[in-house]
Amino acid sequence: MHNNRVGDTVKFGQSSRLFLLCGPDELLPEEGLTRSQKAQLAQMEYAQRMKERDLKVRSLGRRWMGDRW
């Protein structure tokens, strides 16, 4: 069973017809990212920050080691 919302488009079987579910504006879903999409975006941003941090640490380590040689 699927949860359909106002504004969803439905197609039955092999029919070429599309049906739009209509209803009051109060029942329209919120616009923007879903909770799972927000979590995935946060994970991707965190991974990017960690990658940038690692590159910066490596760069600083090479400079420090270069000064010692």
PDB file of N, CA and C in Angstrom:
ATOM      1  N   MET A   1       0.847  -1.194   0.000  1.00  0.00           N
ATOM      2  CA  MET A   1       0.000   0.000   0.000  1.00  0.00           C
ATOM      3  C   MET A   1       0.880   1.240   0.000  1.00  0.00           C
ATOM      4  N   HIS A   2       0.581   2.162  -0.868  1.00  0.00           N
ATOM      5  CA  HIS A   2       1.350   3.397  -0.976  1.00  0.00           C
ATOM      6  C   HIS A   2       0.542   4.545  -0.389  1.00  0.00           C
ATOM      7  N   ASN A   3       1.243   5.466   0.223  1.00  0.00           N
ATOM      8  CA  ASN A   3       0.584   6.668   0.731  1.00  0.00           C
ATOM      9  C   ASN A   3       0.608   7.718  -0.370  1.00  0.00           C
ATOM     10  N   ASN A   4      -0.549   8.047  -0.904  1.00  0.00           N
ATOM     11  CA  ASN A   4      -0.646   9.069  -1.933  1.00  0.00           C
ATOM     12  C   ASN A   4      -1.046  10.375  -1.288  1.00  0.00           C
ATOM     13  N   ARG A   5      -0.530  11.451  -1.848  1.00  0.00           N
ATOM     14  CA  ARG A   5      -0.808  12.785  -1.310  1.00  0.00           C
ATOM     15  C   ARG A   5      -1.431  13.664  -2.382  1.00  0.00           C
ATOM     16  N   VAL A   6      -2.001  14.746  -1.942  1.00  0.00           N
ATOM     17  CA  VAL A   6      -2.540  15.732  -2.869  1.00  0.00           C
ATOM     18  C   VAL A   6      -1.393  16.211  -3.755  1.00  0.00           C
ATOM     19  N   GLY A   7      -1.643  16.262  -5.057  1.00  0.00           N
ATOM     20  CA  GLY A   7      -0.624  16.700  -6.001  1.00  0.00           C
ATOM     21  C   GLY A   7       0.129  15.548  -6.654  1.00  0.00           C
ATOM     22  N   ASP A   8      -0.018  14.326  -6.136  1.00  0.00           N
ATOM     23  CA  ASP A   8       0.640  13.164  -6.737  1.00  0.00           C
ATOM     24  C   ASP A   8      -0.020  12.815  -8.066  1.00  0.00           C
ATOM     25  N   THR A   9       0.773  12.243  -8.962  1.00  0.00           N
ATOM     26  CA  THR A   9       0.271  11.760 -10.236  1.00  0.00           C
ATOM     27  C   THR A   9       0.218  10.243 -10.177  1.00  0.00           C
ATOM     28  N   VAL A  10      -0.882   9.663 -10.676  1.00  0.00           N
ATOM     29  CA  VAL A  10      -1.081   8.219 -10.608  1.00  0.00           C
ATOM     30  C   VAL A  10      -1.338   7.693 -12.013  1.00  0.00           C
ATOM     31  N   LYS A  11      -0.729   6.534 -12.309  1.00  0.00           N
ATOM     32  CA  LYS A  11      -0.963   5.857 -13.577  1.00  0.00           C
ATOM     33  C   LYS A  11      -1.346   4.423 -13.259  1.00  0.00           C
ATOM     34  N   PHE A  12      -2.416   3.919 -13.853  1.00  0.00           N
ATOM     35  CA  PHE A  12      -2.892   2.569 -13.580  1.00  0.00           C
ATOM     36  C   PHE A  12      -2.505   1.627 -14.714  1.00  0.00           C
ATOM     37  N   GLY A  13      -1.756   0.593 -14.371  1.00  0.00           N
ATOM     38  CA  GLY A  13      -1.395  -0.440 -15.340  1.00  0.00           C
ATOM     39  C   GLY A  13      -0.684   0.113 -16.553  1.00  0.00           C
ATOM     40  N   GLN A  14      -1.097  -0.366 -17.725  1.00  0.00           N
ATOM     41  CA  GLN A  14      -0.474   0.038 -18.988  1.00  0.00           C
ATOM     42  C   GLN A  14      -1.171   1.244 -19.621  1.00  0.00           C
ATOM     43  N   SER A  15      -2.092   1.847 -18.901  1.00  0.00           N
ATOM     44  CA  SER A  15      -2.837   2.984 -19.435  1.00  0.00           C
ATOM     45  C   SER A  15      -1.897   4.156 -19.708  1.00  0.00           C
ATOM     46  N   SER A  16      -2.203   4.922 -20.731  1.00  0.00           N
ATOM     47  CA  SER A  16      -1.408   6.119 -21.037  1.00  0.00           C
ATOM     48  C   SER A  16      -1.959   7.343 -20.307  1.00  0.00           C
ATOM     49  N   ARG A  17      -3.057   7.169 -19.607  1.00  0.00           N
ATOM     50  CA  ARG A  17      -3.673   8.277 -18.874  1.00  0.00           C
ATOM     51  C   ARG A  17      -2.993   8.484 -17.528  1.00  0.00           C
ATOM     52  N   LEU A  18      -2.827   9.725 -17.164  1.00  0.00           N
ATOM     53  CA  LEU A  18      -2.278  10.091 -15.857  1.00  0.00           C
ATOM     54  C   LEU A  18      -3.361  10.819 -15.077  1.00  0.00           C
ATOM     55  N   PHE A  19      -3.480  10.514 -13.806  1.00  0.00           N
ATOM     56  CA  PHE A  19      -4.474  11.141 -12.945  1.00  0.00           C
ATOM     57  C   PHE A  19      -3.750  11.939 -11.865  1.00  0.00           C
ATOM     58  N   LEU A  20      -4.183  13.165 -11.652  1.00  0.00           N
ATOM     59  CA  LEU A  20      -3.620  14.041 -10.634  1.00  0.00           C
ATOM     60  C   LEU A  20      -4.566  14.054  -9.445  1.00  0.00           C
ATOM     61  N   LEU A  21      -4.031  13.756  -8.274  1.00  0.00           N
ATOM     62  CA  LEU A  21      -4.870  13.762  -7.067  1.00  0.00           C
ATOM     63  C   LEU A  21      -5.066  15.194  -6.598  1.00  0.00           C
ATOM     64  N   CYS A  22      -6.304  15.603  -6.526  1.00  0.00           N
ATOM     65  CA  CYS A  22      -6.644  16.968  -6.127  1.00  0.00           C
ATOM     66  C   CYS A  22      -7.163  16.980  -4.691  1.00  0.00           C
ATOM     67  N   GLY A  23      -7.043  18.129  -4.058  1.00  0.00           N
ATOM     68  CA  GLY A  23      -7.526  18.286  -2.700  1.00  0.00           C
ATOM     69  C   GLY A  23      -7.204  19.667  -2.181  1.00  0.00           C
ATOM     70  N   PRO A  24      -7.529  19.932  -0.924  1.00  0.00           N
ATOM     71  CA  PRO A  24      -7.272  21.261  -0.349  1.00  0.00           C
ATOM     72  C   PRO A  24      -5.772  21.531  -0.196  1.00  0.00           C
ATOM     73  N   ASP A  25      -5.420  22.803  -0.245  1.00  0.00           N
ATOM     74  CA  ASP A  25      -4.028  23.219  -0.135  1.00  0.00           C
ATOM     75  C   ASP A  25      -3.380  22.771   1.186  1.00  0.00           C
ATOM     76  N   GLU A  26      -4.180  22.648   2.237  1.00  0.00           N
ATOM     77  CA  GLU A  26      -3.636  22.247   3.532  1.00  0.00           C
ATOM     78  C   GLU A  26      -3.029  20.846   3.488  1.00  0.00           C
ATOM     79  N   LEU A  27      -3.491  20.017   2.536  1.00  0.00           N
ATOM     80  CA  LEU A  27      -3.012  18.641   2.442  1.00  0.00           C
ATOM     81  C   LEU A  27      -1.819  18.481   1.487  1.00  0.00           C
ATOM     82  N   LEU A  28      -1.401  19.573   0.858  1.00  0.00           N
ATOM     83  CA  LEU A  28      -0.230  19.510  -0.014  1.00  0.00           C
ATOM     84  C   LEU A  28       1.015  19.236   0.830  1.00  0.00           C
ATOM     85  N   PRO A  29       1.919  18.400   0.334  1.00  0.00           N
ATOM     86  CA  PRO A  29       3.148  18.142   1.096  1.00  0.00           C
ATOM     87  C   PRO A  29       4.035  19.385   1.115  1.00  0.00           C
ATOM     88  N   GLU A  30       4.892  19.465   2.130  1.00  0.00           N
ATOM     89  CA  GLU A  30       5.825  20.584   2.219  1.00  0.00           C
ATOM     90  C   GLU A  30       6.817  20.492   1.067  1.00  0.00           C
ATOM     91  N   GLU A  31       7.213  21.644   0.563  1.00  0.00           N
ATOM     92  CA  GLU A  31       8.200  21.662  -0.505  1.00  0.00           C
ATOM     93  C   GLU A  31       9.589  21.567   0.098  1.00  0.00           C
ATOM     94  N   GLY A  32      10.500  21.077  -0.689  1.00  0.00           N
ATOM     95  CA  GLY A  32      11.879  20.959  -0.220  1.00  0.00           C
ATOM     96  C   GLY A  32      12.287  19.509  -0.078  1.00  0.00           C
ATOM     97  N   LEU A  33      13.390  19.291   0.616  1.00  0.00           N
ATOM     98  CA  LEU A  33      13.940  17.955   0.771  1.00  0.00           C
ATOM     99  C   LEU A  33      13.194  17.157   1.835  1.00  0.00           C
ATOM    100  N   THR A  34      13.128  15.857   1.630  1.00  0.00           N
ATOM    101  CA  THR A  34      12.542  14.979   2.633  1.00  0.00           C
ATOM    102  C   THR A  34      13.552  14.774   3.753  1.00  0.00           C
ATOM    103  N   ARG A  35      13.115  14.181   4.838  1.00  0.00           N
ATOM    104  CA  ARG A  35      13.991  13.927   5.977  1.00  0.00           C
ATOM    105  C   ARG A  35      15.189  13.057   5.574  1.00  0.00           C
ATOM    106  N   SER A  36      14.924  12.015   4.798  1.00  0.00           N
ATOM    107  CA  SER A  36      16.024  11.126   4.372  1.00  0.00           C
ATOM    108  C   SER A  36      16.964  11.842   3.406  1.00  0.00           C
ATOM    109  N   GLN A  37      16.436  12.708   2.547  1.00  0.00           N
ATOM    110  CA  GLN A  37      17.299  13.471   1.643  1.00  0.00           C
ATOM    111  C   GLN A  37      18.167  14.455   2.420  1.00  0.00           C
ATOM    112  N   LYS A  38      17.594  15.071   3.458  1.00  0.00           N
ATOM    113  CA  LYS A  38      18.381  15.983   4.295  1.00  0.00           C
ATOM    114  C   LYS A  38      19.499  15.242   5.017  1.00  0.00           C
ATOM    115  N   ALA A  39      19.202  14.042   5.511  1.00  0.00           N
ATOM    116  CA  ALA A  39      20.219  13.241   6.194  1.00  0.00           C
ATOM    117  C   ALA A  39      21.323  12.841   5.226  1.00  0.00           C
ATOM    118  N   GLN A  40      20.949  12.448   4.019  1.00  0.00           N
ATOM    119  CA  GLN A  40      21.943  12.065   3.017  1.00  0.00           C
ATOM    120  C   GLN A  40      22.809  13.268   2.639  1.00  0.00           C
ATOM    121  N   LEU A  41      22.209  14.430   2.486  1.00  0.00           N
ATOM    122  CA  LEU A  41      22.950  15.642   2.169  1.00  0.00           C
ATOM    123  C   LEU A  41      23.913  15.986   3.299  1.00  0.00           C
ATOM    124  N   ALA A  42      23.475  15.861   4.536  1.00  0.00           N
ATOM    125  CA  ALA A  42      24.342  16.143   5.683  1.00  0.00           C
ATOM    126  C   ALA A  42      25.533  15.186   5.703  1.00  0.00           C
ATOM    127  N   GLN A  43      25.300  13.907   5.392  1.00  0.00           N
ATOM    128  CA  GLN A  43      26.399  12.934   5.346  1.00  0.00           C
ATOM    129  C   GLN A  43      27.394  13.291   4.248  1.00  0.00           C
ATOM    130  N   MET A  44      26.902  13.704   3.092  1.00  0.00           N
ATOM    131  CA  MET A  44      27.778  14.070   1.989  1.00  0.00           C
ATOM    132  C   MET A  44      28.600  15.312   2.330  1.00  0.00           C
ATOM    133  N   GLU A  45      27.963  16.298   2.968  1.00  0.00           N
ATOM    134  CA  GLU A  45      28.681  17.510   3.362  1.00  0.00           C
ATOM    135  C   GLU A  45      29.739  17.195   4.409  1.00  0.00           C
ATOM    136  N   TYR A  46      29.416  16.314   5.356  1.00  0.00           N
ATOM    137  CA  TYR A  46      30.378  15.913   6.382  1.00  0.00           C
ATOM    138  C   TYR A  46      31.570  15.209   5.744  1.00  0.00           C
ATOM    139  N   ALA A  47      31.306  14.296   4.818  1.00  0.00           N
ATOM    140  CA  ALA A  47      32.387  13.577   4.143  1.00  0.00           C
ATOM    141  C   ALA A  47      33.280  14.548   3.382  1.00  0.00           C
ATOM    142  N   GLN A  48      32.701  15.550   2.749  1.00  0.00           N
ATOM    143  CA  GLN A  48      33.476  16.548   2.015  1.00  0.00           C
ATOM    144  C   GLN A  48      34.342  17.356   2.974  1.00  0.00           C
ATOM    145  N   ARG A  49      33.781  17.762   4.124  1.00  0.00           N
ATOM    146  CA  ARG A  49      34.567  18.518   5.103  1.00  0.00           C
ATOM    147  C   ARG A  49      35.736  17.691   5.627  1.00  0.00           C
ATOM    148  N   MET A  50      35.499  16.402   5.887  1.00  0.00           N
ATOM    149  CA  MET A  50      36.572  15.523   6.380  1.00  0.00           C
ATOM    150  C   MET A  50      37.661  15.348   5.329  1.00  0.00           C
ATOM    151  N   LYS A  51      37.267  15.241   4.073  1.00  0.00           N
ATOM    152  CA  LYS A  51      38.239  15.103   2.989  1.00  0.00           C
ATOM    153  C   LYS A  51      39.092  16.366   2.893  1.00  0.00           C
ATOM    154  N   GLU A  52      38.454  17.526   2.953  1.00  0.00           N
ATOM    155  CA  GLU A  52      39.183  18.793   2.896  1.00  0.00           C
ATOM    156  C   GLU A  52      40.111  18.944   4.097  1.00  0.00           C
ATOM    157  N   ARG A  53      39.638  18.523   5.279  1.00  0.00           N
ATOM    158  CA  ARG A  53      40.467  18.602   6.476  1.00  0.00           C
ATOM    159  C   ARG A  53      41.690  17.702   6.352  1.00  0.00           C
ATOM    160  N   ASP A  54      41.493  16.485   5.855  1.00  0.00           N
ATOM    161  CA  ASP A  54      42.613  15.560   5.680  1.00  0.00           C
ATOM    162  C   ASP A  54      43.645  16.117   4.710  1.00  0.00           C
ATOM    163  N   LEU A  55      43.174  16.719   3.616  1.00  0.00           N
ATOM    164  CA  LEU A  55      44.104  17.310   2.657  1.00  0.00           C
ATOM    165  C   LEU A  55      44.892  18.455   3.293  1.00  0.00           C
ATOM    166  N   LYS A  56      44.223  19.245   4.121  1.00  0.00           N
ATOM    167  CA  LYS A  56      44.892  20.361   4.787  1.00  0.00           C
ATOM    168  C   LYS A  56      45.930  19.845   5.778  1.00  0.00           C
ATOM    169  N   VAL A  57      45.580  18.813   6.535  1.00  0.00           N
ATOM    170  CA  VAL A  57      46.514  18.229   7.513  1.00  0.00           C
ATOM    171  C   VAL A  57      47.723  17.659   6.793  1.00  0.00           C
ATOM    172  N   ARG A  58      47.508  16.955   5.697  1.00  0.00           N
ATOM    173  CA  ARG A  58      48.630  16.400   4.933  1.00  0.00           C
ATOM    174  C   ARG A  58      49.533  17.501   4.411  1.00  0.00           C
ATOM    175  N   SER A  59      48.911  18.571   3.910  1.00  0.00           N
ATOM    176  CA  SER A  59      49.685  19.691   3.382  1.00  0.00           C
ATOM    177  C   SER A  59      50.528  20.334   4.482  1.00  0.00           C
ATOM    178  N   LEU A  60      49.931  20.529   5.659  1.00  0.00           N
ATOM    179  CA  LEU A  60      50.667  21.107   6.776  1.00  0.00           C
ATOM    180  C   LEU A  60      51.787  20.169   7.232  1.00  0.00           C
ATOM    181  N   GLY A  61      51.534  18.870   7.242  1.00  0.00           N
ATOM    182  CA  GLY A  61      52.546  17.889   7.630  1.00  0.00           C
ATOM    183  C   GLY A  61      53.725  17.901   6.677  1.00  0.00           C
ATOM    184  N   ARG A  62      53.472  18.017   5.401  1.00  0.00           N
ATOM    185  CA  ARG A  62      54.561  18.074   4.415  1.00  0.00           C
ATOM    186  C   ARG A  62      55.383  19.335   4.594  1.00  0.00           C
ATOM    187  N   ARG A  63      54.723  20.447   4.844  1.00  0.00           N
ATOM    188  CA  ARG A  63      55.451  21.701   5.071  1.00  0.00           C
ATOM    189  C   ARG A  63      56.324  21.587   6.310  1.00  0.00           C
ATOM    190  N   TRP A  64      55.759  21.004   7.366  1.00  0.00           N
ATOM    191  CA  TRP A  64      56.504  20.875   8.614  1.00  0.00           C
ATOM    192  C   TRP A  64      57.713  19.963   8.409  1.00  0.00           C
ATOM    193  N   MET A  65      57.514  18.841   7.740  1.00  0.00           N
ATOM    194  CA  MET A  65      58.607  17.918   7.481  1.00  0.00           C
ATOM    195  C   MET A  65      59.628  18.557   6.538  1.00  0.00           C
ATOM    196  N   GLY A  66      59.151  19.354   5.597  1.00  0.00           N
ATOM    197  CA  GLY A  66      60.060  20.042   4.664  1.00  0.00           C
ATOM    198  C   GLY A  66      60.952  21.027   5.374  1.00  0.00           C
ATOM    199  N   ASP A  67      60.440  21.686   6.419  1.00  0.00           N
ATOM    200  CA  ASP A  67      61.249  22.637   7.180  1.00  0.00           C
ATOM    201  C   ASP A  67      62.339  21.937   7.964  1.00  0.00           C
ATOM    202  N   ARG A  68      62.119  20.688   8.337  1.00  0.00           N
ATOM    203  CA  ARG A  68      63.075  19.946   9.151  1.00  0.00           C
ATOM    204  C   ARG A  68      64.216  19.376   8.334  1.00  0.00           C
ATOM    205  N   TRP A  69      63.999  19.124   7.071  1.00  0.00           N
ATOM    206  CA  TRP A  69      65.035  18.500   6.258  1.00  0.00           C
ATOM    207  C   TRP A  69      65.976  19.505   5.771  1.00  0.00           C
TER     208      TRP A  69
END
